[in-house]
Amino acid sequence: MFTGIVQGTAEVVDIKKKDRFQTHVIRMPSELLSGLETGASVAHNGCCLTVTDIQDDLVAFDLMQETLRVTNLGLLAVGDHVNVERAARFGDEIGGHSMSGHINVATEICDIITTPNNCTVWFKLPADFSKYVLRKGYIGIDGCSLTIGEVKEDCFCVHLIPETLNRTLFGQRKIGDVVNIEIDPQTQAIVDTVERVLAEKAL
């Protein structure tokens, strides 16, 4: 489980590609290395990956076919950065919302509106998940727990504070960039339950 509070960014220093499989290595920030062991979970742009090897501050992870298909991690090149968060432990403060690290879909940034003290980012709304994207609801974007601002036709937006822009990749994102989306599981459960109940009543 993750909290959606990104702890920093890490550079991708090596990618070993195989058939529908790859291993990538990141340079883990020193403050996140304490207690890290093989088998531990670390979210990369919100996607839960398992540590497979540690050599000093270089940490390796394997990415399966489904991960490469559904997320933006298959688009990474050496020198790119990812948002990282260590798995939450019992007793940790949940500053965002509970996130599983299981990405539902990847989508594009369609607009960025920047003013002196605010930044609003608009994303294309994936049709299959539009019913779960509700104004003022939670959503995970590249591992960040965010509140949905507005929903208009085939797009939705979030409003970002300077701290989020500084701590995460959002400060470097551009229109057309692909981001990972994790739908809030509680919202999904409520919507699916209501749909099922209404469908049963209609029989």
Protein backbone atom coordinates (compact mmCIF):
# COMPACT_ATOMS: atom_id res chain seq x y z
CA MET A 1 0.00 0.00 0.00
CA PHE A 2 1.10 3.57 -0.71
CA THR A 3 -0.07 6.95 0.55
CA GLY A 4 0.22 8.92 -2.68
CA ILE A 5 2.74 11.30 -1.11
CA VAL A 6 5.69 11.11 -3.49
CA GLN A 7 8.96 11.08 -1.54
CA GLY A 8 11.22 12.21 -4.36
CA THR A 9 12.37 11.46 -7.88
CA ALA A 10 14.99 8.97 -9.07
CA GLU A 11 17.03 8.83 -12.26
CA VAL A 12 16.83 5.77 -14.51
CA VAL A 13 20.48 4.82 -15.08
CA ASP A 14 20.12 1.53 -16.99
CA ILE A 15 17.46 -0.38 -18.93
CA LYS A 16 17.90 -3.98 -20.03
CA LYS A 17 15.22 -4.87 -22.61
CA LYS A 18 14.12 -8.38 -23.44
CA ASP A 19 11.10 -9.79 -25.27
CA ARG A 20 8.04 -8.21 -23.55
CA PHE A 21 10.10 -7.79 -20.39
CA GLN A 22 12.68 -5.36 -19.08
CA THR A 23 14.78 -4.59 -16.05
CA HIS A 24 15.49 -1.01 -15.15
CA VAL A 25 17.86 0.39 -12.58
CA ILE A 26 17.33 3.65 -10.71
CA ARG A 27 19.64 5.71 -8.54
CA MET A 28 17.64 5.76 -5.31
CA PRO A 29 17.78 8.98 -3.27
CA SER A 30 20.01 8.37 -0.26
CA GLU A 31 17.28 9.26 2.23
CA LEU A 32 15.11 6.41 0.88
CA LEU A 33 17.75 3.67 1.08
CA SER A 34 17.51 2.92 4.82
CA GLY A 35 16.16 -0.58 5.39
CA LEU A 36 15.55 -1.22 1.69
CA GLU A 37 15.90 -4.90 0.87
CA THR A 38 15.40 -7.23 -2.06
CA GLY A 39 11.69 -8.04 -2.30
CA ALA A 40 10.56 -4.64 -0.99
CA SER A 41 7.95 -2.63 -2.89
CA VAL A 42 8.65 0.80 -4.36
CA ALA A 43 6.19 2.78 -6.47
CA HIS A 44 7.54 4.21 -9.74
CA ASN A 45 5.18 6.83 -11.15
CA GLY A 46 2.57 5.17 -8.96
CA CYS A 47 3.23 1.62 -10.21
CA CYS A 48 4.21 -0.89 -7.53
CA LEU A 49 7.47 -2.66 -8.43
CA THR A 50 9.56 -5.18 -6.50
CA VAL A 51 13.24 -4.64 -5.73
CA THR A 52 15.29 -7.39 -7.42
CA ASP A 53 18.83 -6.19 -6.72
CA ILE A 54 20.64 -3.49 -4.72
CA GLN A 55 24.19 -2.30 -5.40
CA ASP A 56 24.92 0.70 -3.18
CA ASP A 57 22.37 3.32 -4.35
CA LEU A 58 21.56 1.51 -7.60
CA VAL A 59 18.33 -0.45 -7.27
CA ALA A 60 16.94 -2.80 -9.94
CA PHE A 61 13.32 -3.72 -10.74
CA ASP A 62 11.72 -6.12 -13.25
CA LEU A 63 8.81 -4.98 -15.42
CA MET A 64 6.48 -7.60 -16.88
CA GLN A 65 4.55 -7.37 -20.16
CA GLU A 66 1.35 -6.11 -18.52
CA THR A 67 3.23 -3.35 -16.69
CA LEU A 68 4.86 -2.22 -19.94
CA ARG A 69 1.48 -2.28 -21.72
CA VAL A 70 -0.63 -0.41 -19.19
CA THR A 71 1.80 2.16 -17.73
CA ASN A 72 4.19 4.83 -18.94
CA LEU A 73 7.21 2.93 -17.60
CA GLY A 74 7.78 1.25 -20.97
CA LEU A 75 8.35 4.71 -22.47
CA LEU A 76 11.28 5.49 -20.18
CA ALA A 77 14.80 6.05 -21.47
CA VAL A 78 18.09 6.19 -19.59
CA GLY A 79 18.37 9.63 -18.01
CA ASP A 80 14.63 9.99 -17.41
CA HIS A 81 13.30 10.32 -13.86
CA VAL A 82 10.43 8.66 -12.03
CA ASN A 83 8.41 9.64 -8.97
CA VAL A 84 9.23 7.22 -6.14
CA GLU A 85 7.53 6.25 -2.89
CA ARG A 86 8.50 3.48 -0.49
CA ALA A 87 5.66 1.22 0.62
CA ALA A 88 3.70 2.50 3.63
CA ARG A 89 4.15 0.82 7.01
CA PHE A 90 1.62 0.42 9.78
CA GLY A 91 1.63 3.59 11.83
CA ASP A 92 2.69 5.86 8.96
CA GLU A 93 0.69 9.03 8.43
CA ILE A 94 -1.62 8.72 5.40
CA GLY A 95 -1.16 12.21 4.00
CA GLY A 96 -2.87 11.46 0.70
CA HIS A 97 -5.26 8.54 0.19
CA SER A 98 -4.74 4.80 0.23
CA MET A 99 -3.28 3.64 -3.10
CA SER A 100 -2.53 0.10 -4.25
CA GLY A 101 0.16 0.85 -6.82
CA HIS A 102 -1.91 -0.93 -9.49
CA ILE A 103 -2.24 1.35 -12.51
CA ASN A 104 -5.58 1.30 -14.33
CA VAL A 105 -4.61 3.20 -17.47
CA ALA A 106 -2.17 5.74 -18.87
CA THR A 107 -3.36 8.98 -20.45
CA GLU A 108 -2.01 12.22 -21.93
CA ILE A 109 -1.71 15.73 -20.54
CA CYS A 110 -3.84 17.89 -22.83
CA ASP A 111 -3.29 21.35 -21.31
CA ILE A 112 -1.24 23.14 -18.64
CA ILE A 113 -2.36 26.51 -17.31
CA THR A 114 0.26 28.29 -15.22
CA THR A 115 -0.20 31.55 -13.31
CA PRO A 116 2.21 33.15 -10.79
CA ASN A 117 0.84 31.15 -7.83
CA ASN A 118 -1.13 28.30 -9.37
CA CYS A 119 -0.83 25.49 -11.88
CA THR A 120 -3.78 23.60 -13.38
CA VAL A 121 -3.10 20.49 -15.44
CA TRP A 122 -5.73 18.95 -17.73
CA PHE A 123 -5.73 15.30 -18.74
CA LYS A 124 -7.60 13.29 -21.34
CA LEU A 125 -10.37 11.32 -19.64
CA PRO A 126 -10.16 7.61 -20.50
CA ALA A 127 -13.67 6.60 -21.61
CA ASP A 128 -13.69 3.25 -19.79
CA PHE A 129 -12.96 4.99 -16.47
CA SER A 130 -14.89 8.24 -16.83
CA LYS A 131 -17.62 7.14 -14.40
CA TYR A 132 -15.02 6.96 -11.60
CA VAL A 133 -13.59 10.45 -12.18
CA LEU A 134 -15.76 12.79 -10.14
CA ARG A 135 -15.30 16.43 -9.16
CA LYS A 136 -13.64 16.66 -5.72
CA GLY A 137 -12.90 12.95 -5.74
CA TYR A 138 -9.48 11.39 -5.27
CA ILE A 139 -7.25 10.14 -8.08
CA GLY A 140 -3.67 8.90 -8.32
CA ILE A 141 -1.56 10.45 -11.10
CA ASP A 142 2.02 9.24 -11.50
CA GLY A 143 1.87 8.18 -7.86
CA CYS A 144 0.58 11.52 -6.54
CA SER A 145 -2.61 11.56 -4.49
CA LEU A 146 -4.60 14.44 -5.97
CA THR A 147 -8.09 15.93 -5.77
CA ILE A 148 -9.99 16.20 -9.04
CA GLY A 149 -10.82 19.82 -9.89
CA GLU A 150 -13.24 19.90 -12.80
CA VAL A 151 -14.55 17.33 -15.26
CA LYS A 152 -15.51 18.59 -18.73
CA GLU A 153 -16.56 16.26 -21.53
CA ASP A 154 -13.46 14.15 -22.27
CA CYS A 155 -11.02 15.91 -19.90
CA PHE A 156 -10.46 16.49 -16.19
CA CYS A 157 -8.05 18.68 -14.26
CA VAL A 158 -6.14 18.93 -11.00
CA HIS A 159 -4.74 22.01 -9.27
CA LEU A 160 -1.13 21.74 -8.10
CA ILE A 161 0.61 23.61 -5.30
CA PRO A 162 4.28 24.68 -5.63
CA GLU A 163 5.43 21.89 -3.27
CA THR A 164 3.96 19.25 -5.60
CA LEU A 165 5.62 20.88 -8.61
CA ASN A 166 8.98 20.97 -6.82
CA ARG A 167 8.90 17.48 -5.30
CA THR A 168 7.51 15.53 -8.26
CA LEU A 169 7.82 15.28 -12.03
CA PHE A 170 4.85 17.61 -12.49
CA GLY A 171 7.21 20.57 -12.51
CA GLN A 172 8.78 19.18 -15.71
CA ARG A 173 5.73 17.73 -17.44
CA LYS A 174 4.64 19.04 -20.85
CA ILE A 175 1.50 18.82 -22.98
CA GLY A 176 1.43 15.40 -24.65
CA ASP A 177 3.33 13.63 -21.86
CA VAL A 178 1.82 10.32 -20.76
CA VAL A 179 0.98 9.80 -17.08
CA ASN A 180 -0.20 6.82 -15.05
CA ILE A 181 -3.71 6.86 -13.58
CA GLU A 182 -4.88 4.88 -10.54
CA ILE A 183 -8.60 5.22 -9.91
CA ASP A 184 -9.54 5.64 -6.25
CA PRO A 185 -10.60 2.10 -5.22
CA GLN A 186 -13.27 3.36 -2.81
CA THR A 187 -14.89 5.45 -5.54
CA GLN A 188 -14.77 2.49 -7.91
CA ALA A 189 -16.34 0.17 -5.33
CA ILE A 190 -19.19 2.61 -4.62
CA VAL A 191 -19.94 3.27 -8.31
CA ASP A 192 -19.83 -0.43 -9.20
CA THR A 193 -22.05 -1.35 -6.25
CA VAL A 194 -24.66 1.28 -7.12
CA GLU A 195 -24.67 0.15 -10.75
CA ARG A 196 -25.10 -3.48 -9.72
CA VAL A 197 -27.96 -2.71 -7.29
CA LEU A 198 -29.78 -0.58 -9.88
CA ALA A 199 -29.36 -3.28 -12.50
CA GLU A 200 -30.79 -5.91 -10.12
CA LYS A 201 -33.79 -3.68 -9.32
CA ALA A 202 -34.46 -3.22 -13.02
CA LEU A 203 -34.87 -6.98 -13.52
